[in-house]
Amino acid sequence: MISETIPLQIGSLNFSLSSAEAIAFLSVLLFPMALIIIARILFFKDRNALQFFVTTISIFCFWVGGIIYTYFNGTSLNEILSSFMIFFTSLLVYLEIWALLSRGYTLGILLTLSKSSTPLNDKNLAQAYRQGEGLQWLIQHRFSGLFSAKLLFQEKNKICLTPFFGNCTVKIYKLFILMFNLKKTG
């Protein structure tokens, strides 16, 4: 039996997917939904690495089950390898995003500044950010990147969020904290 493909053609471009590739894309789409659910389970609260690990194992099992099913319906080795590449490349992208969100010290600085009703100098920021824990080394390394990315600006020895990029970044970060039930930073 020859494996079925899911036809998708736009003009002369053919984006058809094999069953195995469709399973990979479905797994990739299910990953953030599963992570949102797992992050809400009390046992996993404030255990970001375990949340990601359990989600990865769960979705991997789903993907393997789908691949086994498609294999017995005639999926070729090339289609399985293509599915493997789609799935694991996507996992690497998710891991990078998760690392940024769950260990986002720079984003934590932006969040701390957004919580303040007035701009903060570096001493006030050090007191507000994680109760001053390890901020001295962090500030020196992080601020240059935040200024060059136009997320912060300095006004009379006060550090402020830029009206557009800084504030938008904070709003997106707050949304991800809420969606994935991440341990609060800042």
N, C-alpha and C. Protein backbone atom coordinates (compact mmCIF):
# COMPACT_ATOMS: atom_id res chain seq x y z
N MET A 1 0.85 -1.18 0.00
CA MET A 1 0.00 0.00 0.00
C MET A 1 0.89 1.24 0.00
N ILE A 2 0.58 2.20 -0.81
CA ILE A 2 1.34 3.45 -0.88
C ILE A 2 0.74 4.43 0.11
N SER A 3 1.62 5.14 0.84
CA SER A 3 1.11 6.08 1.84
C SER A 3 0.37 7.22 1.16
N GLU A 4 -0.61 7.73 1.86
CA GLU A 4 -1.40 8.82 1.32
C GLU A 4 -0.71 10.14 1.57
N THR A 5 -0.99 11.09 0.68
CA THR A 5 -0.48 12.44 0.89
C THR A 5 -1.65 13.39 1.07
N ILE A 6 -1.37 14.47 1.78
CA ILE A 6 -2.37 15.51 1.96
C ILE A 6 -2.05 16.59 0.93
N PRO A 7 -2.91 16.72 -0.10
CA PRO A 7 -2.59 17.67 -1.17
C PRO A 7 -2.81 19.11 -0.74
N LEU A 8 -1.87 19.95 -1.10
CA LEU A 8 -2.00 21.39 -0.88
C LEU A 8 -1.22 22.06 -1.99
N GLN A 9 -1.95 22.67 -2.88
CA GLN A 9 -1.30 23.32 -4.01
C GLN A 9 -1.79 24.76 -4.10
N ILE A 10 -0.82 25.68 -4.20
CA ILE A 10 -1.11 27.09 -4.38
C ILE A 10 -0.49 27.50 -5.70
N GLY A 11 -1.34 27.72 -6.68
CA GLY A 11 -0.82 28.00 -8.02
C GLY A 11 -0.04 26.80 -8.51
N SER A 12 1.18 27.03 -8.93
CA SER A 12 2.01 25.93 -9.41
C SER A 12 2.89 25.34 -8.30
N LEU A 13 2.80 25.89 -7.08
CA LEU A 13 3.59 25.36 -5.96
C LEU A 13 2.85 24.22 -5.28
N ASN A 14 3.53 23.11 -5.10
CA ASN A 14 2.95 21.93 -4.49
C ASN A 14 3.51 21.77 -3.07
N PHE A 15 2.64 21.87 -2.07
CA PHE A 15 3.03 21.73 -0.67
C PHE A 15 2.46 20.45 -0.07
N SER A 16 2.29 19.42 -0.86
CA SER A 16 1.71 18.17 -0.38
C SER A 16 2.55 17.58 0.75
N LEU A 17 1.85 17.00 1.72
CA LEU A 17 2.50 16.37 2.87
C LEU A 17 2.19 14.88 2.87
N SER A 18 3.17 14.10 3.24
CA SER A 18 2.89 12.68 3.48
C SER A 18 2.20 12.56 4.83
N SER A 19 1.65 11.40 5.10
CA SER A 19 1.00 11.16 6.39
C SER A 19 1.98 11.36 7.54
N ALA A 20 3.21 10.88 7.37
CA ALA A 20 4.22 11.02 8.42
C ALA A 20 4.56 12.48 8.67
N GLU A 21 4.66 13.27 7.60
CA GLU A 21 4.95 14.70 7.76
C GLU A 21 3.78 15.42 8.42
N ALA A 22 2.57 15.01 8.08
CA ALA A 22 1.38 15.61 8.71
C ALA A 22 1.37 15.31 10.21
N ILE A 23 1.78 14.09 10.58
CA ILE A 23 1.88 13.72 12.01
C ILE A 23 2.89 14.62 12.70
N ALA A 24 4.02 14.90 12.05
CA ALA A 24 5.04 15.77 12.64
C ALA A 24 4.48 17.17 12.86
N PHE A 25 3.80 17.72 11.86
CA PHE A 25 3.24 19.07 12.01
C PHE A 25 2.13 19.10 13.06
N LEU A 26 1.33 18.05 13.12
CA LEU A 26 0.29 17.98 14.16
C LEU A 26 0.94 17.94 15.54
N SER A 27 1.99 17.16 15.69
CA SER A 27 2.72 17.09 16.96
C SER A 27 3.28 18.45 17.35
N VAL A 28 3.84 19.14 16.37
CA VAL A 28 4.41 20.47 16.61
C VAL A 28 3.32 21.44 17.06
N LEU A 29 2.14 21.35 16.47
CA LEU A 29 1.03 22.22 16.87
C LEU A 29 0.48 21.87 18.24
N LEU A 30 0.51 20.58 18.59
CA LEU A 30 0.00 20.15 19.90
C LEU A 30 0.95 20.50 21.04
N PHE A 31 2.24 20.67 20.73
CA PHE A 31 3.24 20.89 21.78
C PHE A 31 2.92 22.07 22.70
N PRO A 32 2.69 23.28 22.17
CA PRO A 32 2.41 24.38 23.11
C PRO A 32 1.11 24.19 23.89
N MET A 33 0.12 23.54 23.27
CA MET A 33 -1.13 23.29 23.99
C MET A 33 -0.89 22.33 25.15
N ALA A 34 -0.11 21.28 24.91
CA ALA A 34 0.21 20.34 25.97
C ALA A 34 1.03 21.02 27.06
N LEU A 35 1.95 21.88 26.67
CA LEU A 35 2.79 22.59 27.64
C LEU A 35 1.94 23.51 28.51
N ILE A 36 0.97 24.19 27.92
CA ILE A 36 0.07 25.05 28.69
C ILE A 36 -0.68 24.22 29.73
N ILE A 37 -1.16 23.05 29.35
CA ILE A 37 -1.91 22.19 30.28
C ILE A 37 -0.99 21.66 31.37
N ILE A 38 0.18 21.15 31.01
CA ILE A 38 1.11 20.58 31.99
C ILE A 38 1.60 21.66 32.96
N ALA A 39 1.82 22.87 32.46
CA ALA A 39 2.28 23.96 33.33
C ALA A 39 1.24 24.33 34.39
N ARG A 40 -0.01 24.00 34.16
CA ARG A 40 -1.08 24.31 35.11
C ARG A 40 -1.22 23.25 36.21
N ILE A 41 -0.59 22.11 36.06
CA ILE A 41 -0.68 21.05 37.07
C ILE A 41 0.16 21.47 38.27
N LEU A 42 -0.43 21.42 39.45
CA LEU A 42 0.22 21.93 40.66
C LEU A 42 1.58 21.29 40.92
N PHE A 43 1.72 20.01 40.64
CA PHE A 43 2.99 19.31 40.86
C PHE A 43 4.14 19.96 40.08
N PHE A 44 3.85 20.53 38.92
CA PHE A 44 4.88 21.10 38.06
C PHE A 44 5.10 22.60 38.28
N LYS A 45 4.38 23.18 39.24
CA LYS A 45 4.52 24.63 39.49
C LYS A 45 5.97 24.97 39.83
N ASP A 46 6.49 26.02 39.17
CA ASP A 46 7.86 26.51 39.38
C ASP A 46 8.93 25.47 39.02
N ARG A 47 8.58 24.47 38.24
CA ARG A 47 9.55 23.45 37.80
C ARG A 47 9.59 23.47 36.27
N ASN A 48 10.12 24.56 35.74
CA ASN A 48 10.06 24.81 34.31
C ASN A 48 10.73 23.72 33.48
N ALA A 49 11.88 23.24 33.92
CA ALA A 49 12.59 22.21 33.16
C ALA A 49 11.76 20.92 33.11
N LEU A 50 11.16 20.56 34.24
CA LEU A 50 10.33 19.35 34.28
C LEU A 50 9.08 19.51 33.42
N GLN A 51 8.49 20.70 33.41
CA GLN A 51 7.33 20.96 32.55
C GLN A 51 7.69 20.68 31.09
N PHE A 52 8.81 21.23 30.67
CA PHE A 52 9.23 21.06 29.28
C PHE A 52 9.56 19.59 28.99
N PHE A 53 10.23 18.93 29.91
CA PHE A 53 10.62 17.53 29.71
C PHE A 53 9.39 16.63 29.58
N VAL A 54 8.43 16.78 30.48
CA VAL A 54 7.23 15.93 30.45
C VAL A 54 6.43 16.20 29.17
N THR A 55 6.34 17.45 28.77
CA THR A 55 5.65 17.78 27.53
C THR A 55 6.35 17.14 26.34
N THR A 56 7.67 17.24 26.32
CA THR A 56 8.45 16.66 25.22
C THR A 56 8.23 15.15 25.13
N ILE A 57 8.29 14.47 26.26
CA ILE A 57 8.09 13.01 26.27
C ILE A 57 6.67 12.66 25.81
N SER A 58 5.69 13.41 26.29
CA SER A 58 4.29 13.13 25.90
C SER A 58 4.08 13.30 24.40
N ILE A 59 4.55 14.41 23.85
CA ILE A 59 4.37 14.67 22.43
C ILE A 59 5.23 13.73 21.59
N PHE A 60 6.40 13.37 22.09
CA PHE A 60 7.24 12.40 21.39
C PHE A 60 6.51 11.06 21.28
N CYS A 61 5.87 10.62 22.36
CA CYS A 61 5.11 9.36 22.32
C CYS A 61 3.96 9.45 21.31
N PHE A 62 3.29 10.60 21.27
CA PHE A 62 2.23 10.81 20.27
C PHE A 62 2.81 10.70 18.87
N TRP A 63 3.95 11.36 18.64
CA TRP A 63 4.59 11.34 17.31
C TRP A 63 5.00 9.91 16.93
N VAL A 64 5.62 9.18 17.86
CA VAL A 64 6.04 7.79 17.58
C VAL A 64 4.83 6.93 17.25
N GLY A 65 3.75 7.09 18.02
CA GLY A 65 2.53 6.34 17.73
C GLY A 65 2.00 6.62 16.34
N GLY A 66 2.01 7.88 15.96
CA GLY A 66 1.57 8.25 14.61
C GLY A 66 2.47 7.69 13.53
N ILE A 67 3.77 7.69 13.78
CA ILE A 67 4.73 7.16 12.80
C ILE A 67 4.54 5.65 12.65
N ILE A 68 4.35 4.96 13.76
CA ILE A 68 4.11 3.51 13.69
C ILE A 68 2.85 3.22 12.88
N TYR A 69 1.80 3.98 13.14
CA TYR A 69 0.55 3.80 12.39
C TYR A 69 0.77 4.03 10.90
N THR A 70 1.46 5.13 10.55
CA THR A 70 1.67 5.42 9.12
C THR A 70 2.62 4.41 8.49
N TYR A 71 3.56 3.88 9.27
CA TYR A 71 4.51 2.89 8.73
C TYR A 71 3.76 1.65 8.26
N PHE A 72 2.80 1.21 9.06
CA PHE A 72 2.04 0.02 8.69
C PHE A 72 1.04 0.30 7.57
N ASN A 73 0.89 1.55 7.22
CA ASN A 73 0.04 1.91 6.08
C ASN A 73 0.86 2.32 4.87
N GLY A 74 2.12 1.91 4.84
CA GLY A 74 2.93 2.08 3.64
C GLY A 74 3.80 3.32 3.57
N THR A 75 4.08 3.98 4.66
CA THR A 75 4.94 5.16 4.64
C THR A 75 6.38 4.73 4.35
N SER A 76 7.04 5.46 3.48
CA SER A 76 8.42 5.13 3.13
C SER A 76 9.40 5.65 4.18
N LEU A 77 10.61 5.13 4.15
CA LEU A 77 11.66 5.56 5.07
C LEU A 77 11.97 7.04 4.88
N ASN A 78 11.97 7.51 3.64
CA ASN A 78 12.23 8.94 3.38
C ASN A 78 11.18 9.83 4.04
N GLU A 79 9.94 9.41 3.99
CA GLU A 79 8.87 10.20 4.62
C GLU A 79 9.02 10.20 6.14
N ILE A 80 9.42 9.06 6.69
CA ILE A 80 9.65 8.99 8.14
C ILE A 80 10.82 9.88 8.54
N LEU A 81 11.90 9.86 7.76
CA LEU A 81 13.05 10.72 8.05
C LEU A 81 12.69 12.20 7.92
N SER A 82 11.89 12.52 6.95
CA SER A 82 11.42 13.90 6.80
C SER A 82 10.59 14.32 8.01
N SER A 83 9.73 13.44 8.47
CA SER A 83 8.92 13.69 9.65
C SER A 83 9.81 13.88 10.88
N PHE A 84 10.83 13.02 10.99
CA PHE A 84 11.79 13.11 12.10
C PHE A 84 12.46 14.49 12.11
N MET A 85 12.91 14.95 10.95
CA MET A 85 13.58 16.25 10.87
C MET A 85 12.63 17.39 11.23
N ILE A 86 11.42 17.34 10.75
CA ILE A 86 10.43 18.39 11.07
C ILE A 86 10.18 18.42 12.57
N PHE A 87 9.95 17.25 13.14
CA PHE A 87 9.60 17.16 14.56
C PHE A 87 10.75 17.62 15.45
N PHE A 88 11.94 17.09 15.25
CA PHE A 88 13.04 17.42 16.15
C PHE A 88 13.60 18.82 15.94
N THR A 89 13.53 19.34 14.73
CA THR A 89 13.92 20.74 14.52
C THR A 89 12.96 21.65 15.27
N SER A 90 11.70 21.34 15.21
CA SER A 90 10.71 22.14 15.93
C SER A 90 10.91 22.05 17.43
N LEU A 91 11.27 20.88 17.94
CA LEU A 91 11.56 20.75 19.37
C LEU A 91 12.72 21.63 19.78
N LEU A 92 13.74 21.72 18.94
CA LEU A 92 14.88 22.59 19.25
C LEU A 92 14.45 24.06 19.28
N VAL A 93 13.60 24.45 18.36
CA VAL A 93 13.10 25.83 18.36
C VAL A 93 12.29 26.09 19.62
N TYR A 94 11.40 25.15 19.98
CA TYR A 94 10.62 25.30 21.22
C TYR A 94 11.53 25.38 22.44
N LEU A 95 12.58 24.57 22.46
CA LEU A 95 13.51 24.59 23.59
C LEU A 95 14.17 25.96 23.72
N GLU A 96 14.57 26.55 22.62
CA GLU A 96 15.19 27.88 22.66
C GLU A 96 14.20 28.93 23.16
N ILE A 97 12.99 28.87 22.68
CA ILE A 97 11.97 29.82 23.13
C ILE A 97 11.68 29.63 24.62
N TRP A 98 11.56 28.37 25.04
CA TRP A 98 11.29 28.06 26.44
C TRP A 98 12.43 28.53 27.34
N ALA A 99 13.65 28.34 26.90
CA ALA A 99 14.80 28.80 27.69
C ALA A 99 14.75 30.32 27.86
N LEU A 100 14.42 31.02 26.81
CA LEU A 100 14.32 32.48 26.89
C LEU A 100 13.21 32.90 27.85
N LEU A 101 12.06 32.25 27.76
CA LEU A 101 10.93 32.63 28.60
C LEU A 101 11.12 32.23 30.06
N SER A 102 11.66 31.06 30.31
CA SER A 102 11.77 30.58 31.69
C SER A 102 13.02 31.08 32.40
N ARG A 103 14.03 31.48 31.66
CA ARG A 103 15.26 32.02 32.26
C ARG A 103 15.53 33.42 31.75
N GLY A 104 14.48 34.17 31.50
CA GLY A 104 14.60 35.48 30.86
C GLY A 104 15.00 36.58 31.82
N TYR A 105 16.27 36.60 32.20
CA TYR A 105 16.74 37.62 33.13
C TYR A 105 16.62 39.01 32.53
N THR A 106 16.95 39.15 31.27
CA THR A 106 16.83 40.44 30.61
C THR A 106 15.36 40.86 30.53
N LEU A 107 14.50 39.92 30.20
CA LEU A 107 13.07 40.22 30.19
C LEU A 107 12.58 40.55 31.60
N GLY A 108 13.20 39.94 32.61
CA GLY A 108 12.87 40.25 34.00
C GLY A 108 13.17 41.70 34.36
N ILE A 109 14.25 42.24 33.81
CA ILE A 109 14.57 43.66 34.03
C ILE A 109 13.47 44.53 33.44
N LEU A 110 13.06 44.21 32.22
CA LEU A 110 11.99 44.98 31.58
C LEU A 110 10.69 44.88 32.38
N LEU A 111 10.39 43.69 32.88
CA LEU A 111 9.18 43.49 33.67
C LEU A 111 9.24 44.28 34.97
N THR A 112 10.40 44.30 35.64
CA THR A 112 10.57 45.06 36.87
C THR A 112 10.36 46.55 36.60
N LEU A 113 10.92 47.05 35.51
CA LEU A 113 10.73 48.46 35.16
C LEU A 113 9.27 48.76 34.85
N SER A 114 8.58 47.83 34.22
CA SER A 114 7.18 48.08 33.89
C SER A 114 6.30 48.09 35.13
N LYS A 115 6.69 47.37 36.19
CA LYS A 115 5.94 47.34 37.44
C LYS A 115 6.08 48.64 38.21
N SER A 116 7.17 49.35 37.98
CA SER A 116 7.44 50.58 38.72
C SER A 116 6.59 51.72 38.17
N SER A 117 6.06 52.52 39.07
CA SER A 117 5.25 53.66 38.63
C SER A 117 6.11 54.82 38.13
N THR A 118 7.41 54.80 38.49
CA THR A 118 8.34 55.84 38.03
C THR A 118 9.61 55.17 37.50
N PRO A 119 10.36 55.89 36.67
CA PRO A 119 11.64 55.33 36.22
C PRO A 119 12.57 55.09 37.42
N LEU A 120 13.41 54.07 37.32
CA LEU A 120 14.29 53.69 38.42
C LEU A 120 15.74 53.97 38.08
N ASN A 121 16.52 54.36 39.09
CA ASN A 121 17.96 54.40 38.88
C ASN A 121 18.49 53.00 39.15
N ASP A 122 19.78 52.79 38.92
CA ASP A 122 20.31 51.43 39.03
C ASP A 122 20.21 50.86 40.44
N LYS A 123 20.31 51.69 41.48
CA LYS A 123 20.19 51.19 42.86
C LYS A 123 18.77 50.75 43.17
N ASN A 124 17.79 51.55 42.74
CA ASN A 124 16.39 51.17 42.94
C ASN A 124 16.04 49.92 42.14
N LEU A 125 16.58 49.84 40.94
CA LEU A 125 16.34 48.67 40.11
C LEU A 125 16.94 47.43 40.76
N ALA A 126 18.14 47.56 41.32
CA ALA A 126 18.79 46.43 42.00
C ALA A 126 17.96 45.94 43.17
N GLN A 127 17.33 46.86 43.90
CA GLN A 127 16.48 46.46 45.03
C GLN A 127 15.20 45.80 44.55
N ALA A 128 14.66 46.28 43.46
CA ALA A 128 13.38 45.74 42.98
C ALA A 128 13.55 44.42 42.24
N TYR A 129 14.67 44.22 41.55
CA TYR A 129 14.87 43.03 40.73
C TYR A 129 15.35 41.87 41.59
N ARG A 130 14.52 40.88 41.76
CA ARG A 130 14.85 39.66 42.52
C ARG A 130 15.49 39.98 43.86
N GLN A 131 14.96 40.99 44.50
CA GLN A 131 15.44 41.42 45.80
C GLN A 131 16.96 41.67 45.81
N GLY A 132 17.49 42.16 44.69
CA GLY A 132 18.90 42.52 44.59
C GLY A 132 19.84 41.35 44.40
N GLU A 133 19.33 40.17 44.21
CA GLU A 133 20.16 38.96 44.10
C GLU A 133 20.95 38.93 42.79
N GLY A 134 22.25 39.03 42.88
CA GLY A 134 23.12 38.86 41.73
C GLY A 134 22.96 39.89 40.63
N LEU A 135 22.46 41.07 40.95
CA LEU A 135 22.15 42.03 39.91
C LEU A 135 23.37 42.77 39.38
N GLN A 136 24.39 42.94 40.19
CA GLN A 136 25.54 43.75 39.75
C GLN A 136 26.18 43.20 38.48
N TRP A 137 26.46 41.92 38.45
CA TRP A 137 27.07 41.36 37.24
C TRP A 137 26.09 41.35 36.09
N LEU A 138 24.83 41.15 36.42
CA LEU A 138 23.80 41.06 35.39
C LEU A 138 23.57 42.40 34.70
N ILE A 139 23.52 43.44 35.49
CA ILE A 139 23.24 44.77 34.91
C ILE A 139 24.31 45.15 33.91
N GLN A 140 25.55 44.95 34.24
CA GLN A 140 26.64 45.35 33.34
C GLN A 140 26.55 44.63 32.00
N HIS A 141 26.18 43.38 32.02
CA HIS A 141 26.15 42.59 30.79
C HIS A 141 24.86 42.79 29.99
N ARG A 142 23.79 43.08 30.67
CA ARG A 142 22.49 43.12 30.00
C ARG A 142 22.09 44.49 29.46
N PHE A 143 22.44 45.54 30.17
CA PHE A 143 21.98 46.86 29.75
C PHE A 143 22.48 47.27 28.38
N SER A 144 23.70 46.96 28.07
CA SER A 144 24.21 47.37 26.75
C SER A 144 23.36 46.75 25.64
N GLY A 145 22.97 45.50 25.81
CA GLY A 145 22.11 44.85 24.82
C GLY A 145 20.72 45.46 24.77
N LEU A 146 20.16 45.80 25.93
CA LEU A 146 18.83 46.40 25.96
C LEU A 146 18.81 47.80 25.34
N PHE A 147 19.86 48.57 25.59
CA PHE A 147 19.94 49.90 24.97
C PHE A 147 20.11 49.78 23.46
N SER A 148 20.98 48.89 23.01
CA SER A 148 21.21 48.78 21.57
C SER A 148 20.00 48.19 20.83
N ALA A 149 19.20 47.39 21.52
CA ALA A 149 17.98 46.84 20.92
C ALA A 149 16.81 47.83 20.97
N LYS A 150 17.07 49.00 21.53
CA LYS A 150 16.06 50.07 21.63
C LYS A 150 14.88 49.66 22.52
N LEU A 151 15.15 48.84 23.54
CA LEU A 151 14.13 48.48 24.51
C LEU A 151 14.16 49.42 25.71
N LEU A 152 15.32 50.03 25.96
CA LEU A 152 15.51 50.97 27.06
C LEU A 152 16.15 52.24 26.54
N PHE A 153 15.95 53.32 27.30
CA PHE A 153 16.71 54.55 27.06
C PHE A 153 17.01 55.16 28.42
N GLN A 154 17.99 56.03 28.44
CA GLN A 154 18.40 56.66 29.69
C GLN A 154 18.06 58.14 29.64
N GLU A 155 17.48 58.62 30.72
CA GLU A 155 17.09 60.02 30.81
C GLU A 155 17.49 60.54 32.19
N LYS A 156 18.53 61.40 32.24
CA LYS A 156 19.01 61.99 33.49
C LYS A 156 19.27 60.92 34.55
N ASN A 157 20.12 59.95 34.25
CA ASN A 157 20.48 58.85 35.16
C ASN A 157 19.31 57.95 35.53
N LYS A 158 18.23 58.03 34.82
CA LYS A 158 17.09 57.14 35.02
C LYS A 158 16.96 56.24 33.81
N ILE A 159 16.63 54.98 34.06
CA ILE A 159 16.49 54.00 32.99
C ILE A 159 15.00 53.80 32.75
N CYS A 160 14.59 53.93 31.50
CA CYS A 160 13.17 53.86 31.14
C CYS A 160 12.95 52.89 29.99
N LEU A 161 11.74 52.32 29.94
CA LEU A 161 11.34 51.52 28.78
C LEU A 161 11.08 52.45 27.61
N THR A 162 11.47 52.03 26.42
CA THR A 162 11.11 52.82 25.25
C THR A 162 9.61 52.68 25.03
N PRO A 163 8.97 53.75 24.56
CA PRO A 163 7.50 53.73 24.46
C PRO A 163 6.96 52.58 23.61
N PHE A 164 7.62 52.24 22.50
CA PHE A 164 7.06 51.21 21.64
C PHE A 164 7.69 49.85 21.90
N PHE A 165 8.97 49.67 21.54
CA PHE A 165 9.60 48.34 21.62
C PHE A 165 9.67 47.81 23.05
N GLY A 166 10.07 48.64 23.99
CA GLY A 166 10.17 48.20 25.38
C GLY A 166 8.83 47.77 25.94
N ASN A 167 7.82 48.62 25.76
CA ASN A 167 6.49 48.31 26.29
C ASN A 167 5.85 47.12 25.58
N CYS A 168 6.02 47.02 24.27
CA CYS A 168 5.46 45.87 23.53
C CYS A 168 6.11 44.57 23.97
N THR A 169 7.41 44.59 24.15
CA THR A 169 8.13 43.39 24.59
C THR A 169 7.62 42.93 25.96
N VAL A 170 7.41 43.87 26.87
CA VAL A 170 6.90 43.53 28.20
C VAL A 170 5.50 42.93 28.11
N LYS A 171 4.65 43.49 27.27
CA LYS A 171 3.28 42.97 27.14
C LYS A 171 3.28 41.55 26.59
N ILE A 172 4.12 41.29 25.61
CA ILE A 172 4.22 39.93 25.04
C ILE A 172 4.75 38.97 26.10
N TYR A 173 5.76 39.41 26.84
CA TYR A 173 6.34 38.56 27.89
C TYR A 173 5.31 38.24 28.97
N LYS A 174 4.53 39.23 29.39
CA LYS A 174 3.48 38.99 30.39
C LYS A 174 2.46 37.97 29.88
N LEU A 175 2.13 38.06 28.60
CA LEU A 175 1.19 37.11 28.00
C LEU A 175 1.73 35.68 28.09
N PHE A 176 3.02 35.50 27.76
CA PHE A 176 3.61 34.17 27.83
C PHE A 176 3.70 33.67 29.27
N ILE A 177 3.98 34.54 30.22
CA ILE A 177 4.00 34.13 31.62
C ILE A 177 2.63 33.59 32.01
N LEU A 178 1.60 34.30 31.62
CA LEU A 178 0.23 33.89 31.93
C LEU A 178 -0.14 32.59 31.21
N MET A 179 0.15 32.52 29.91
CA MET A 179 -0.23 31.34 29.12
C MET A 179 0.44 30.06 29.61
N PHE A 180 1.75 30.14 29.90
CA PHE A 180 2.50 28.94 30.24
C PHE A 180 2.72 28.78 31.73
N ASN A 181 2.09 29.64 32.54
CA ASN A 181 2.19 29.54 33.99
C ASN A 181 3.65 29.48 34.45
N LEU A 182 4.47 30.36 33.88
CA LEU A 182 5.89 30.37 34.21
C LEU A 182 6.12 30.98 35.58
N LYS A 183 7.21 30.57 36.21
CA LYS A 183 7.63 31.18 37.45
C LYS A 183 7.90 32.65 37.17
N LYS A 184 7.36 33.52 37.98
CA LYS A 184 7.50 34.96 37.76
C LYS A 184 8.96 35.38 37.88
N THR A 185 9.36 36.28 36.98
CA THR A 185 10.69 36.88 37.07
C THR A 185 10.49 38.36 37.34
N GLY A 186 11.54 38.99 37.86
CA GLY A 186 11.48 40.44 38.11
C GLY A 186 10.76 40.79 39.37
